[in-house]
């Protein structure tokens, strides 16, 4: 590498902003500053960390599936390089994901989704109740079978965030605590950002990665429409001396309701997640806690013995079609990287590489092509 190309401000310190900041600082020959309120607002802080292109796929989202498959393929190498740079592990688990059905109606839904995913060319193995319980012995005997996706993994989202911060620091990226009020532009070229306390950060390139808050920043093109989608989840902790209760991620449909259980290396289990649209409301509700625990314990009864360690709320950045907005804009040097909705952790590595390409004036990977219309709208 030769020389430094210029200054980059990344707005947002969740997994997207930090992944971009670290990747560009390490590989992009730019001086990087990450600006973030540091107030626990990042949806990635309360995420489950699922890397699940198969079990997240659904009707009418083939383009998003292809992007998620690219992201899943890229993530292990990105994580390995990150662990080496940060000197810490990110808790990547490769045991696969088991989706189970609680009753006959749930089994019909699961079978329909399995058929859809096979039609997309995805590999899934349908299992009877006995096979499911051999994989996860503490499943309820009421479970009516399931589907196993070997390629759907998980990562510890909080370890991953900590590693990104450490690696970004080690690569020379600055971190500034504060909220960006507006993007500053002069003669059609980005000039930096101004914080809500009046401080200015000058730069010739800006990446907007503020998640659900992106649209509230002054100077953002009006076509960038991102809305907050509230997700509530729980973290359950093992009592002292109790062995882990799950060996892999379990996703369940219980009387028509979806719930997921994601184990961590220390035995903690993340239970999630609700989805509703209440603006920027980050309230934990009694009903959500009740419903999540009810459905989780229906499929894994022993969870009743774990400690309720934490209740969490995150605001996912949603878009009209659930796809991300990663695009250059009509302002020179201004790039948007938001709208990752439920797939921010999964898509973080692929997004970092796509943004690095856009900063260099190059096209990102072909899997981003179906989303190129977003870039055209912004030009």
Foldseek 3Di string as FASTA:
>chain_A
DDAADWEEEEEAQALQSLLLLLLCLQPVRHAYEYEEQPPPFALLVQFLFKLALLVPDDPPPLLVSLLSVVLLVPPVVSQVVLCVLQVDHFQKFQAFEKEWEQAPVRVVVQVVSVVVSVVSVADKDWFALVVVCVQAVLWDSSIGTTITHRSIIGTNSVSSSVSSVRNSVSSNYHYHNFHFQEFDADPLFTQFTAGPVGDTDGIRAYEYAHAQCSCRHHPDPPLDDWFWKKKKKFKWAADPPDDARHDAKYWYQYPNDIKIWGAGPRRIIIIYIDTDGDGPDFDDDPVGVVVRVVVVCSTRVVSVNTHGDDMGMHTGTADPVQPWQWADASRHNYTYTYHNGNCCSSNSNLSSQQNSQVNVVHHGDCSCVVVCVSHVVRD
